[in-house]
């Protein structure tokens, strides 16, 4: 069941990814293309790891700190 908390692991991870993408765009606009390409390569490698192994290190760390957006309902297992 999805919780109504604003700051949970999956939401914060998506926020961090969008801010990271904006930083890359800002660096490209300012002419720092090498730094932008390095950050974009890092982000692409992390997304590939998430695709290939179904494991995202940032989500794992955030789940330890903030908890998941999808908490199990105690009544879900009872029939």
N, C-alpha and C. Protein backbone atom coordinates (compact mmCIF):
# COMPACT_ATOMS: atom_id res chain seq x y z
N UNK A 1 0.85 -1.17 0.00
CA UNK A 1 0.00 0.00 0.00
C UNK A 1 0.90 1.23 0.00
N UNK A 2 0.59 2.19 -0.82
CA UNK A 2 1.38 3.41 -0.92
C UNK A 2 1.00 4.36 0.20
N UNK A 3 2.03 4.95 0.81
CA UNK A 3 1.78 5.89 1.90
C UNK A 3 1.63 7.31 1.33
N UNK A 4 1.14 8.20 2.15
CA UNK A 4 0.95 9.59 1.75
C UNK A 4 2.11 10.48 2.17
N UNK A 5 3.20 9.89 2.66
CA UNK A 5 4.34 10.68 3.09
C UNK A 5 5.00 11.35 1.89
N UNK A 6 5.44 12.57 2.07
CA UNK A 6 6.10 13.30 0.99
C UNK A 6 7.55 12.85 0.86
N UNK A 7 8.24 12.68 1.97
CA UNK A 7 9.65 12.31 1.93
C UNK A 7 9.81 10.83 2.25
N UNK A 8 9.70 10.02 1.21
CA UNK A 8 9.98 8.60 1.31
C UNK A 8 11.00 8.26 0.23
N UNK A 9 11.59 7.09 0.30
CA UNK A 9 12.76 6.76 -0.51
C UNK A 9 12.54 6.92 -2.01
N UNK A 10 11.49 6.36 -2.54
CA UNK A 10 11.28 6.38 -3.98
C UNK A 10 11.03 7.80 -4.50
N UNK A 11 10.26 8.58 -3.76
CA UNK A 11 9.99 9.96 -4.18
C UNK A 11 11.25 10.82 -4.12
N UNK A 12 12.01 10.69 -3.05
CA UNK A 12 13.23 11.48 -2.91
C UNK A 12 14.24 11.07 -3.99
N UNK A 13 14.29 9.77 -4.32
CA UNK A 13 15.20 9.31 -5.36
C UNK A 13 14.84 9.92 -6.71
N UNK A 14 13.56 10.01 -7.02
CA UNK A 14 13.13 10.64 -8.28
C UNK A 14 13.44 12.14 -8.26
N UNK A 15 13.28 12.78 -7.11
CA UNK A 15 13.62 14.19 -6.98
C UNK A 15 15.12 14.42 -7.20
N UNK A 16 15.94 13.57 -6.61
CA UNK A 16 17.39 13.68 -6.78
C UNK A 16 17.78 13.48 -8.24
N UNK A 17 17.15 12.51 -8.92
CA UNK A 17 17.44 12.29 -10.33
C UNK A 17 17.07 13.50 -11.17
N UNK A 18 15.95 14.14 -10.88
CA UNK A 18 15.55 15.31 -11.67
C UNK A 18 16.48 16.50 -11.40
N UNK A 19 16.91 16.68 -10.15
CA UNK A 19 17.86 17.75 -9.84
C UNK A 19 19.20 17.47 -10.50
N UNK A 20 19.63 16.22 -10.49
CA UNK A 20 20.88 15.82 -11.13
C UNK A 20 20.83 16.11 -12.63
N UNK A 21 19.69 15.83 -13.26
CA UNK A 21 19.53 16.12 -14.69
C UNK A 21 19.56 17.62 -14.95
N UNK A 22 18.94 18.40 -14.08
CA UNK A 22 18.99 19.86 -14.23
C UNK A 22 20.41 20.40 -14.07
N UNK A 23 21.18 19.82 -13.17
CA UNK A 23 22.58 20.23 -13.01
C UNK A 23 23.37 19.93 -14.28
N UNK A 24 23.12 18.77 -14.88
CA UNK A 24 23.78 18.42 -16.13
C UNK A 24 23.42 19.42 -17.23
N UNK A 25 22.14 19.77 -17.33
CA UNK A 25 21.72 20.75 -18.33
C UNK A 25 22.34 22.11 -18.07
N UNK A 26 22.44 22.52 -16.82
CA UNK A 26 23.07 23.78 -16.46
C UNK A 26 24.55 23.79 -16.86
N UNK A 27 25.23 22.68 -16.58
CA UNK A 27 26.65 22.59 -16.95
C UNK A 27 26.83 22.66 -18.46
N UNK A 28 25.94 22.01 -19.21
CA UNK A 28 26.02 22.08 -20.66
C UNK A 28 25.78 23.50 -21.15
N UNK A 29 24.84 24.20 -20.56
CA UNK A 29 24.53 25.57 -20.97
C UNK A 29 25.68 26.52 -20.67
N UNK A 30 26.41 26.27 -19.59
CA UNK A 30 27.53 27.13 -19.22
C UNK A 30 28.83 26.76 -19.95
N UNK A 31 28.81 25.69 -20.73
CA UNK A 31 29.98 25.32 -21.50
C UNK A 31 30.89 24.32 -20.84
N UNK A 32 30.50 23.76 -19.71
CA UNK A 32 31.30 22.74 -19.03
C UNK A 32 30.88 21.36 -19.52
N UNK A 33 31.13 21.11 -20.80
CA UNK A 33 30.61 19.89 -21.39
C UNK A 33 31.31 18.63 -20.88
N UNK A 34 32.58 18.69 -20.55
CA UNK A 34 33.26 17.51 -20.04
C UNK A 34 32.67 17.07 -18.70
N UNK A 35 32.45 18.03 -17.80
CA UNK A 35 31.84 17.69 -16.50
C UNK A 35 30.43 17.15 -16.69
N UNK A 36 29.67 17.74 -17.62
CA UNK A 36 28.31 17.28 -17.87
C UNK A 36 28.30 15.87 -18.44
N UNK A 37 29.23 15.58 -19.34
CA UNK A 37 29.30 14.23 -19.93
C UNK A 37 29.69 13.20 -18.88
N UNK A 38 30.61 13.57 -17.99
CA UNK A 38 31.02 12.64 -16.92
C UNK A 38 29.84 12.35 -16.00
N UNK A 39 29.09 13.39 -15.60
CA UNK A 39 27.93 13.17 -14.74
C UNK A 39 26.84 12.38 -15.44
N UNK A 40 26.64 12.65 -16.72
CA UNK A 40 25.63 11.92 -17.49
C UNK A 40 26.04 10.45 -17.64
N UNK A 41 27.32 10.19 -17.85
CA UNK A 41 27.80 8.81 -17.93
C UNK A 41 27.60 8.09 -16.60
N UNK A 42 27.89 8.78 -15.50
CA UNK A 42 27.67 8.18 -14.17
C UNK A 42 26.20 7.83 -13.97
N UNK A 43 25.32 8.76 -14.33
CA UNK A 43 23.89 8.52 -14.16
C UNK A 43 23.43 7.36 -15.06
N UNK A 44 23.94 7.28 -16.27
CA UNK A 44 23.58 6.20 -17.18
C UNK A 44 24.06 4.85 -16.66
N UNK A 45 25.27 4.81 -16.11
CA UNK A 45 25.78 3.56 -15.55
C UNK A 45 24.94 3.11 -14.36
N UNK A 46 24.57 4.04 -13.50
CA UNK A 46 23.73 3.68 -12.35
C UNK A 46 22.36 3.18 -12.78
N UNK A 47 21.78 3.81 -13.80
CA UNK A 47 20.49 3.35 -14.31
C UNK A 47 20.61 1.98 -14.97
N UNK A 48 21.74 1.71 -15.63
CA UNK A 48 21.94 0.38 -16.22
C UNK A 48 22.07 -0.67 -15.12
N UNK A 49 22.77 -0.34 -14.03
CA UNK A 49 22.87 -1.27 -12.90
C UNK A 49 21.48 -1.56 -12.35
N UNK A 50 20.65 -0.54 -12.25
CA UNK A 50 19.28 -0.73 -11.77
C UNK A 50 18.49 -1.63 -12.72
N UNK A 51 18.68 -1.45 -14.02
CA UNK A 51 18.00 -2.28 -15.02
C UNK A 51 18.49 -3.72 -14.95
N UNK A 52 19.80 -3.92 -14.95
CA UNK A 52 20.37 -5.25 -15.07
C UNK A 52 20.21 -6.10 -13.81
N UNK A 53 20.35 -5.48 -12.66
CA UNK A 53 20.35 -6.25 -11.41
C UNK A 53 19.16 -5.96 -10.51
N UNK A 54 18.26 -5.08 -10.94
CA UNK A 54 17.10 -4.67 -10.15
C UNK A 54 17.54 -4.21 -8.76
N UNK A 55 18.64 -3.46 -8.74
CA UNK A 55 19.18 -2.93 -7.49
C UNK A 55 19.66 -1.51 -7.76
N UNK A 56 19.12 -0.56 -7.01
CA UNK A 56 19.54 0.83 -7.14
C UNK A 56 20.18 1.24 -5.82
N UNK A 57 21.49 1.52 -5.83
CA UNK A 57 22.16 1.86 -4.57
C UNK A 57 21.56 3.08 -3.87
N UNK A 58 21.15 4.09 -4.63
CA UNK A 58 20.61 5.29 -3.99
C UNK A 58 19.26 4.99 -3.34
N UNK A 59 18.42 4.19 -3.98
CA UNK A 59 17.14 3.83 -3.37
C UNK A 59 17.37 2.97 -2.13
N UNK A 60 18.35 2.08 -2.18
CA UNK A 60 18.65 1.22 -1.04
C UNK A 60 19.07 2.06 0.16
N UNK A 61 19.95 3.05 -0.07
CA UNK A 61 20.40 3.92 1.02
C UNK A 61 19.25 4.76 1.54
N UNK A 62 18.45 5.33 0.63
CA UNK A 62 17.33 6.17 1.05
C UNK A 62 16.27 5.36 1.80
N UNK A 63 16.08 4.09 1.43
CA UNK A 63 15.12 3.26 2.15
C UNK A 63 15.57 3.03 3.59
N UNK A 64 16.90 2.92 3.79
CA UNK A 64 17.42 2.77 5.15
C UNK A 64 17.20 4.04 5.97
N UNK A 65 17.31 5.20 5.31
CA UNK A 65 17.19 6.48 6.01
C UNK A 65 15.74 6.94 6.18
N UNK A 66 14.95 6.83 5.10
CA UNK A 66 13.60 7.42 5.10
C UNK A 66 12.46 6.41 5.13
N UNK A 67 12.71 5.19 4.73
CA UNK A 67 11.64 4.21 4.63
C UNK A 67 11.02 4.23 3.24
N UNK A 68 10.36 3.16 2.89
CA UNK A 68 9.79 3.01 1.57
C UNK A 68 8.45 3.72 1.46
N UNK A 69 8.09 4.08 0.24
CA UNK A 69 6.77 4.67 -0.02
C UNK A 69 5.69 3.59 -0.02
N UNK A 70 6.11 2.33 -0.18
CA UNK A 70 5.17 1.22 -0.28
C UNK A 70 5.32 0.34 0.94
N UNK A 71 4.55 0.63 1.95
CA UNK A 71 4.62 -0.14 3.18
C UNK A 71 3.59 -1.25 3.14
N UNK A 72 3.95 -2.38 3.74
CA UNK A 72 3.05 -3.52 3.77
C UNK A 72 1.92 -3.29 4.74
N UNK A 73 0.74 -3.67 4.33
CA UNK A 73 -0.44 -3.57 5.18
C UNK A 73 -0.55 -4.85 6.01
N UNK A 74 -0.76 -4.71 7.32
CA UNK A 74 -0.86 -5.89 8.17
C UNK A 74 -2.06 -6.75 7.83
N UNK A 75 -3.14 -6.13 7.35
CA UNK A 75 -4.34 -6.88 7.02
C UNK A 75 -4.27 -7.52 5.64
N UNK A 76 -3.22 -7.23 4.88
CA UNK A 76 -3.11 -7.74 3.52
C UNK A 76 -2.95 -9.26 3.49
N UNK A 77 -2.20 -9.82 4.46
CA UNK A 77 -1.95 -11.25 4.47
C UNK A 77 -3.10 -12.04 5.08
N UNK A 78 -3.98 -11.39 5.80
CA UNK A 78 -5.09 -12.09 6.46
C UNK A 78 -6.27 -12.17 5.50
N UNK A 79 -6.79 -13.36 5.35
CA UNK A 79 -7.96 -13.55 4.48
C UNK A 79 -9.18 -13.94 5.24
